[in-house]
Amino acid sequence: MSSKPPSGNVGGISAPTLRIGQSIPVSSGRERMRRPLSRSGYRRARPPEREAFLCRYRSNLAAITAERKPEIDALSRKLARQEAAIALLRGPTTLPGGFGRTELHAGGDNRRS
């Protein structure tokens, strides 16, 4: 007979079987409830100061914005080009008879009385 404990096969998954009298390892409630502290270190104590949080937030936002500024500018230029092309394809915004596009699509009666 081999010295290692037999393995059970439950639902096609092989799992080690415990010997009679062998205890199941269970973590205590304290170990289970312990979680790593958040980045701010806030845990059941005084909350972080609002002004310090806002200062860090604004600083991080400014850094991210500065880092992405070229990308933001390029996307803004691309959007402006697309809007100009769409406006060119749509043509004039007023139609014969003095009706504008917004008046035509408003859903009301467009006939003059």
N, C-alpha and C. Protein backbone atom coordinates (compact mmCIF):
# COMPACT_ATOMS: atom_id res chain seq x y z
N MET A 1 0.82 -1.18 0.00
CA MET A 1 0.00 0.00 0.00
C MET A 1 0.87 1.25 0.00
N SER A 2 0.43 2.30 -0.66
CA SER A 2 1.23 3.51 -0.73
C SER A 2 1.04 4.35 0.52
N SER A 3 2.02 5.23 0.78
CA SER A 3 1.97 6.02 2.01
C SER A 3 1.14 7.29 1.85
N LYS A 4 0.87 7.71 0.62
CA LYS A 4 0.09 8.94 0.47
C LYS A 4 -1.40 8.61 0.51
N PRO A 5 -2.21 9.58 0.99
CA PRO A 5 -3.64 9.33 1.14
C PRO A 5 -4.31 9.17 -0.21
N PRO A 6 -5.39 8.39 -0.27
CA PRO A 6 -6.08 8.20 -1.54
C PRO A 6 -6.75 9.49 -1.98
N SER A 7 -6.95 9.61 -3.27
CA SER A 7 -7.61 10.79 -3.81
C SER A 7 -9.02 10.43 -4.21
N GLY A 8 -9.94 11.32 -3.95
CA GLY A 8 -11.32 11.13 -4.37
C GLY A 8 -11.52 11.77 -5.72
N ASN A 9 -12.49 11.29 -6.45
CA ASN A 9 -12.79 11.86 -7.75
C ASN A 9 -14.24 12.31 -7.72
N VAL A 10 -14.44 13.61 -7.58
CA VAL A 10 -15.79 14.15 -7.50
C VAL A 10 -16.07 14.93 -8.77
N GLY A 11 -17.02 14.49 -9.52
CA GLY A 11 -17.40 15.20 -10.74
C GLY A 11 -16.27 15.34 -11.73
N GLY A 12 -15.38 14.37 -11.78
CA GLY A 12 -14.28 14.43 -12.74
C GLY A 12 -13.11 15.26 -12.24
N ILE A 13 -13.23 15.83 -11.03
CA ILE A 13 -12.15 16.64 -10.47
C ILE A 13 -11.47 15.84 -9.38
N SER A 14 -10.20 15.67 -9.50
CA SER A 14 -9.46 14.91 -8.52
C SER A 14 -9.17 15.79 -7.32
N ALA A 15 -9.51 15.32 -6.12
CA ALA A 15 -9.27 16.08 -4.90
C ALA A 15 -8.69 15.16 -3.85
N PRO A 16 -7.76 15.65 -3.00
CA PRO A 16 -7.20 14.79 -1.96
C PRO A 16 -8.27 14.45 -0.93
N THR A 17 -8.22 13.24 -0.41
CA THR A 17 -9.18 12.79 0.59
C THR A 17 -8.51 12.82 1.95
N LEU A 18 -9.25 13.20 2.96
CA LEU A 18 -8.71 13.27 4.31
C LEU A 18 -8.80 11.90 4.97
N ARG A 19 -7.82 11.58 5.80
CA ARG A 19 -7.86 10.35 6.57
C ARG A 19 -8.80 10.54 7.76
N ILE A 20 -9.26 9.46 8.31
CA ILE A 20 -10.14 9.53 9.46
C ILE A 20 -9.37 10.20 10.60
N GLY A 21 -10.01 11.17 11.23
CA GLY A 21 -9.38 11.87 12.34
C GLY A 21 -8.55 13.06 11.91
N GLN A 22 -8.31 13.23 10.62
CA GLN A 22 -7.53 14.36 10.15
C GLN A 22 -8.44 15.58 10.09
N SER A 23 -7.99 16.70 10.61
CA SER A 23 -8.84 17.88 10.66
C SER A 23 -8.75 18.66 9.35
N ILE A 24 -9.82 19.37 9.06
CA ILE A 24 -9.88 20.21 7.87
C ILE A 24 -9.30 21.57 8.25
N PRO A 25 -8.32 22.06 7.50
CA PRO A 25 -7.76 23.37 7.84
C PRO A 25 -8.78 24.48 7.60
N VAL A 26 -9.06 25.25 8.64
CA VAL A 26 -10.01 26.35 8.55
C VAL A 26 -9.33 27.58 9.09
N SER A 27 -9.43 28.67 8.36
CA SER A 27 -8.84 29.90 8.87
C SER A 27 -9.78 30.53 9.88
N SER A 28 -9.21 31.21 10.84
CA SER A 28 -10.03 31.85 11.86
C SER A 28 -10.76 33.04 11.25
N GLY A 29 -11.77 33.50 11.94
CA GLY A 29 -12.54 34.64 11.46
C GLY A 29 -11.69 35.88 11.28
N ARG A 30 -10.72 36.08 12.18
CA ARG A 30 -9.86 37.26 12.07
C ARG A 30 -9.06 37.23 10.77
N GLU A 31 -8.52 36.08 10.42
CA GLU A 31 -7.71 35.98 9.21
C GLU A 31 -8.56 36.19 7.97
N ARG A 32 -9.78 35.68 8.02
CA ARG A 32 -10.67 35.82 6.87
C ARG A 32 -11.08 37.26 6.66
N MET A 33 -11.31 38.00 7.75
CA MET A 33 -11.80 39.36 7.66
C MET A 33 -10.70 40.36 7.36
N ARG A 34 -9.46 39.97 7.55
CA ARG A 34 -8.36 40.91 7.35
C ARG A 34 -8.17 41.17 5.86
N ARG A 35 -8.20 42.42 5.51
CA ARG A 35 -7.99 42.82 4.12
C ARG A 35 -6.84 43.81 4.07
N PRO A 36 -6.17 43.90 2.95
CA PRO A 36 -5.12 44.92 2.86
C PRO A 36 -5.74 46.31 2.92
N LEU A 37 -4.99 47.23 3.49
CA LEU A 37 -5.48 48.60 3.60
C LEU A 37 -5.55 49.23 2.22
N SER A 38 -6.47 50.16 2.07
CA SER A 38 -6.56 50.86 0.79
C SER A 38 -5.36 51.79 0.65
N ARG A 39 -5.23 52.40 -0.49
CA ARG A 39 -4.09 53.27 -0.73
C ARG A 39 -4.04 54.44 0.23
N SER A 40 -5.20 54.92 0.62
CA SER A 40 -5.22 56.08 1.51
C SER A 40 -4.92 55.69 2.95
N GLY A 41 -5.01 54.40 3.28
CA GLY A 41 -4.76 53.97 4.64
C GLY A 41 -5.95 54.20 5.55
N TYR A 42 -7.09 54.52 5.02
CA TYR A 42 -8.27 54.82 5.82
C TYR A 42 -8.95 53.54 6.24
N ARG A 43 -9.05 53.31 7.55
CA ARG A 43 -9.76 52.14 8.05
C ARG A 43 -10.27 52.44 9.45
N ARG A 44 -11.52 52.66 9.58
CA ARG A 44 -12.19 52.89 10.86
C ARG A 44 -11.54 53.98 11.69
N ALA A 45 -10.97 54.91 11.07
CA ALA A 45 -10.36 56.02 11.78
C ALA A 45 -10.84 57.30 11.13
N ARG A 46 -10.10 58.32 11.33
CA ARG A 46 -10.45 59.59 10.73
C ARG A 46 -10.34 59.47 9.21
N PRO A 47 -11.34 59.93 8.47
CA PRO A 47 -11.23 59.85 7.01
C PRO A 47 -10.14 60.79 6.51
N PRO A 48 -9.62 60.52 5.32
CA PRO A 48 -8.58 61.40 4.78
C PRO A 48 -9.12 62.81 4.59
N GLU A 49 -8.26 63.77 4.72
CA GLU A 49 -8.69 65.16 4.61
C GLU A 49 -9.14 65.45 3.19
N ARG A 50 -10.24 66.16 3.11
CA ARG A 50 -10.84 66.44 1.81
C ARG A 50 -9.93 67.32 0.95
N GLU A 51 -9.33 68.32 1.57
CA GLU A 51 -8.46 69.23 0.81
C GLU A 51 -7.26 68.49 0.23
N ALA A 52 -6.69 67.59 1.00
CA ALA A 52 -5.54 66.82 0.50
C ALA A 52 -5.96 65.91 -0.65
N PHE A 53 -7.15 65.30 -0.51
CA PHE A 53 -7.66 64.44 -1.58
C PHE A 53 -7.86 65.24 -2.86
N LEU A 54 -8.51 66.42 -2.73
CA LEU A 54 -8.77 67.24 -3.91
C LEU A 54 -7.47 67.72 -4.54
N CYS A 55 -6.50 68.04 -3.72
CA CYS A 55 -5.20 68.48 -4.24
C CYS A 55 -4.55 67.36 -5.05
N ARG A 56 -4.55 66.13 -4.50
CA ARG A 56 -3.99 64.98 -5.23
C ARG A 56 -4.76 64.71 -6.51
N TYR A 57 -6.10 64.79 -6.43
CA TYR A 57 -6.94 64.53 -7.60
C TYR A 57 -6.64 65.52 -8.71
N ARG A 58 -6.60 66.80 -8.35
CA ARG A 58 -6.34 67.84 -9.37
C ARG A 58 -4.95 67.69 -9.96
N SER A 59 -4.00 67.34 -9.12
CA SER A 59 -2.63 67.16 -9.59
C SER A 59 -2.55 65.99 -10.58
N ASN A 60 -3.19 64.87 -10.22
CA ASN A 60 -3.20 63.70 -11.12
C ASN A 60 -3.93 64.01 -12.41
N LEU A 61 -5.05 64.73 -12.32
CA LEU A 61 -5.82 65.08 -13.52
C LEU A 61 -4.99 65.97 -14.44
N ALA A 62 -4.29 66.95 -13.86
CA ALA A 62 -3.45 67.84 -14.67
C ALA A 62 -2.33 67.05 -15.35
N ALA A 63 -1.75 66.11 -14.63
CA ALA A 63 -0.66 65.31 -15.21
C ALA A 63 -1.17 64.45 -16.36
N ILE A 64 -2.32 63.83 -16.18
CA ILE A 64 -2.90 62.99 -17.23
C ILE A 64 -3.28 63.83 -18.44
N THR A 65 -3.88 65.00 -18.18
CA THR A 65 -4.29 65.88 -19.28
C THR A 65 -3.07 66.36 -20.05
N ALA A 66 -2.02 66.75 -19.34
CA ALA A 66 -0.80 67.21 -20.01
C ALA A 66 -0.18 66.08 -20.83
N GLU A 67 -0.22 64.87 -20.29
CA GLU A 67 0.35 63.73 -20.99
C GLU A 67 -0.42 63.41 -22.27
N ARG A 68 -1.73 63.58 -22.23
CA ARG A 68 -2.58 63.24 -23.38
C ARG A 68 -2.92 64.44 -24.26
N LYS A 69 -2.35 65.61 -23.98
CA LYS A 69 -2.68 66.83 -24.73
C LYS A 69 -2.52 66.67 -26.24
N PRO A 70 -1.42 66.12 -26.75
CA PRO A 70 -1.30 65.96 -28.21
C PRO A 70 -2.41 65.07 -28.79
N GLU A 71 -2.75 64.01 -28.08
CA GLU A 71 -3.81 63.12 -28.55
C GLU A 71 -5.16 63.83 -28.56
N ILE A 72 -5.42 64.60 -27.51
CA ILE A 72 -6.68 65.35 -27.43
C ILE A 72 -6.77 66.36 -28.56
N ASP A 73 -5.66 67.07 -28.82
CA ASP A 73 -5.65 68.06 -29.91
C ASP A 73 -5.87 67.40 -31.26
N ALA A 74 -5.23 66.27 -31.49
CA ALA A 74 -5.39 65.57 -32.77
C ALA A 74 -6.83 65.11 -32.96
N LEU A 75 -7.45 64.59 -31.90
CA LEU A 75 -8.84 64.15 -32.01
C LEU A 75 -9.78 65.33 -32.23
N SER A 76 -9.47 66.47 -31.62
CA SER A 76 -10.30 67.67 -31.82
C SER A 76 -10.22 68.13 -33.28
N ARG A 77 -9.00 68.11 -33.84
CA ARG A 77 -8.86 68.50 -35.25
C ARG A 77 -9.59 67.52 -36.16
N LYS A 78 -9.51 66.24 -35.87
CA LYS A 78 -10.19 65.23 -36.67
C LYS A 78 -11.70 65.43 -36.62
N LEU A 79 -12.23 65.71 -35.43
CA LEU A 79 -13.66 65.95 -35.29
C LEU A 79 -14.09 67.19 -36.06
N ALA A 80 -13.28 68.24 -36.03
CA ALA A 80 -13.60 69.46 -36.78
C ALA A 80 -13.63 69.17 -38.28
N ARG A 81 -12.67 68.37 -38.77
CA ARG A 81 -12.66 68.01 -40.20
C ARG A 81 -13.90 67.21 -40.56
N GLN A 82 -14.28 66.26 -39.70
CA GLN A 82 -15.46 65.45 -39.98
C GLN A 82 -16.73 66.29 -39.99
N GLU A 83 -16.84 67.21 -39.03
CA GLU A 83 -18.03 68.07 -39.00
C GLU A 83 -18.10 68.95 -40.24
N ALA A 84 -16.95 69.46 -40.70
CA ALA A 84 -16.93 70.28 -41.91
C ALA A 84 -17.34 69.45 -43.13
N ALA A 85 -16.86 68.21 -43.21
CA ALA A 85 -17.21 67.34 -44.34
C ALA A 85 -18.70 67.01 -44.32
N ILE A 86 -19.26 66.76 -43.16
CA ILE A 86 -20.69 66.47 -43.06
C ILE A 86 -21.51 67.68 -43.46
N ALA A 87 -21.09 68.85 -43.00
CA ALA A 87 -21.81 70.08 -43.37
C ALA A 87 -21.76 70.31 -44.88
N LEU A 88 -20.62 70.00 -45.50
CA LEU A 88 -20.47 70.17 -46.94
C LEU A 88 -21.38 69.20 -47.69
N LEU A 89 -21.48 67.96 -47.22
CA LEU A 89 -22.33 66.97 -47.87
C LEU A 89 -23.81 67.30 -47.72
N ARG A 90 -24.18 67.86 -46.60
CA ARG A 90 -25.59 68.19 -46.37
C ARG A 90 -26.04 69.37 -47.20
N GLY A 91 -25.13 70.21 -47.57
CA GLY A 91 -25.49 71.35 -48.39
C GLY A 91 -26.05 72.49 -47.56
N PRO A 92 -26.75 73.39 -48.23
CA PRO A 92 -27.28 74.56 -47.52
C PRO A 92 -28.31 74.13 -46.48
N THR A 93 -28.40 74.92 -45.41
CA THR A 93 -29.32 74.56 -44.33
C THR A 93 -30.72 75.12 -44.56
N THR A 94 -30.87 76.05 -45.49
CA THR A 94 -32.21 76.56 -45.79
C THR A 94 -32.66 76.02 -47.13
N LEU A 95 -33.92 75.75 -47.23
CA LEU A 95 -34.50 75.18 -48.43
C LEU A 95 -35.35 76.23 -49.13
N PRO A 96 -35.67 76.00 -50.38
CA PRO A 96 -36.55 76.94 -51.07
C PRO A 96 -37.86 77.09 -50.30
N GLY A 97 -38.33 78.30 -50.21
CA GLY A 97 -39.55 78.56 -49.48
C GLY A 97 -39.27 79.08 -48.09
N GLY A 98 -37.99 79.20 -47.74
CA GLY A 98 -37.64 79.77 -46.45
C GLY A 98 -37.64 78.80 -45.29
N PHE A 99 -37.81 77.51 -45.57
CA PHE A 99 -37.80 76.53 -44.47
C PHE A 99 -36.36 76.09 -44.21
N GLY A 100 -36.03 75.98 -42.96
CA GLY A 100 -34.72 75.45 -42.57
C GLY A 100 -34.86 73.97 -42.24
N ARG A 101 -33.75 73.29 -42.15
CA ARG A 101 -33.78 71.85 -41.83
C ARG A 101 -34.43 71.59 -40.48
N THR A 102 -34.15 72.41 -39.50
CA THR A 102 -34.72 72.18 -38.18
C THR A 102 -36.24 72.29 -38.22
N GLU A 103 -36.75 73.16 -39.04
CA GLU A 103 -38.20 73.31 -39.14
C GLU A 103 -38.82 72.09 -39.83
N LEU A 104 -38.11 71.51 -40.79
CA LEU A 104 -38.63 70.34 -41.49
C LEU A 104 -38.70 69.12 -40.58
N HIS A 105 -37.71 68.98 -39.71
CA HIS A 105 -37.65 67.79 -38.87
C HIS A 105 -38.29 67.98 -37.51
N ALA A 106 -38.96 69.11 -37.31
CA ALA A 106 -39.58 69.37 -36.01
C ALA A 106 -40.84 68.54 -35.82
N GLY A 107 -41.39 68.00 -36.89
CA GLY A 107 -42.55 67.13 -36.77
C GLY A 107 -43.87 67.87 -36.92
N GLY A 108 -43.83 69.17 -37.09
CA GLY A 108 -45.06 69.94 -37.22
C GLY A 108 -45.49 70.06 -38.67
N ASP A 109 -46.53 70.82 -38.90
CA ASP A 109 -47.03 71.06 -40.25
C ASP A 109 -46.13 72.10 -40.89
N ASN A 110 -45.50 71.77 -42.03
CA ASN A 110 -44.53 72.65 -42.65
C ASN A 110 -45.14 73.51 -43.75
N ARG A 111 -46.43 73.39 -43.98
CA ARG A 111 -47.05 74.18 -45.04
C ARG A 111 -47.33 75.59 -44.55
N ARG A 112 -47.16 76.54 -45.47
CA ARG A 112 -47.51 77.92 -45.13
C ARG A 112 -48.99 78.11 -45.32
N SER A 113 -49.57 78.88 -44.43
CA SER A 113 -51.00 79.12 -44.58
C SER A 113 -51.28 80.44 -45.24
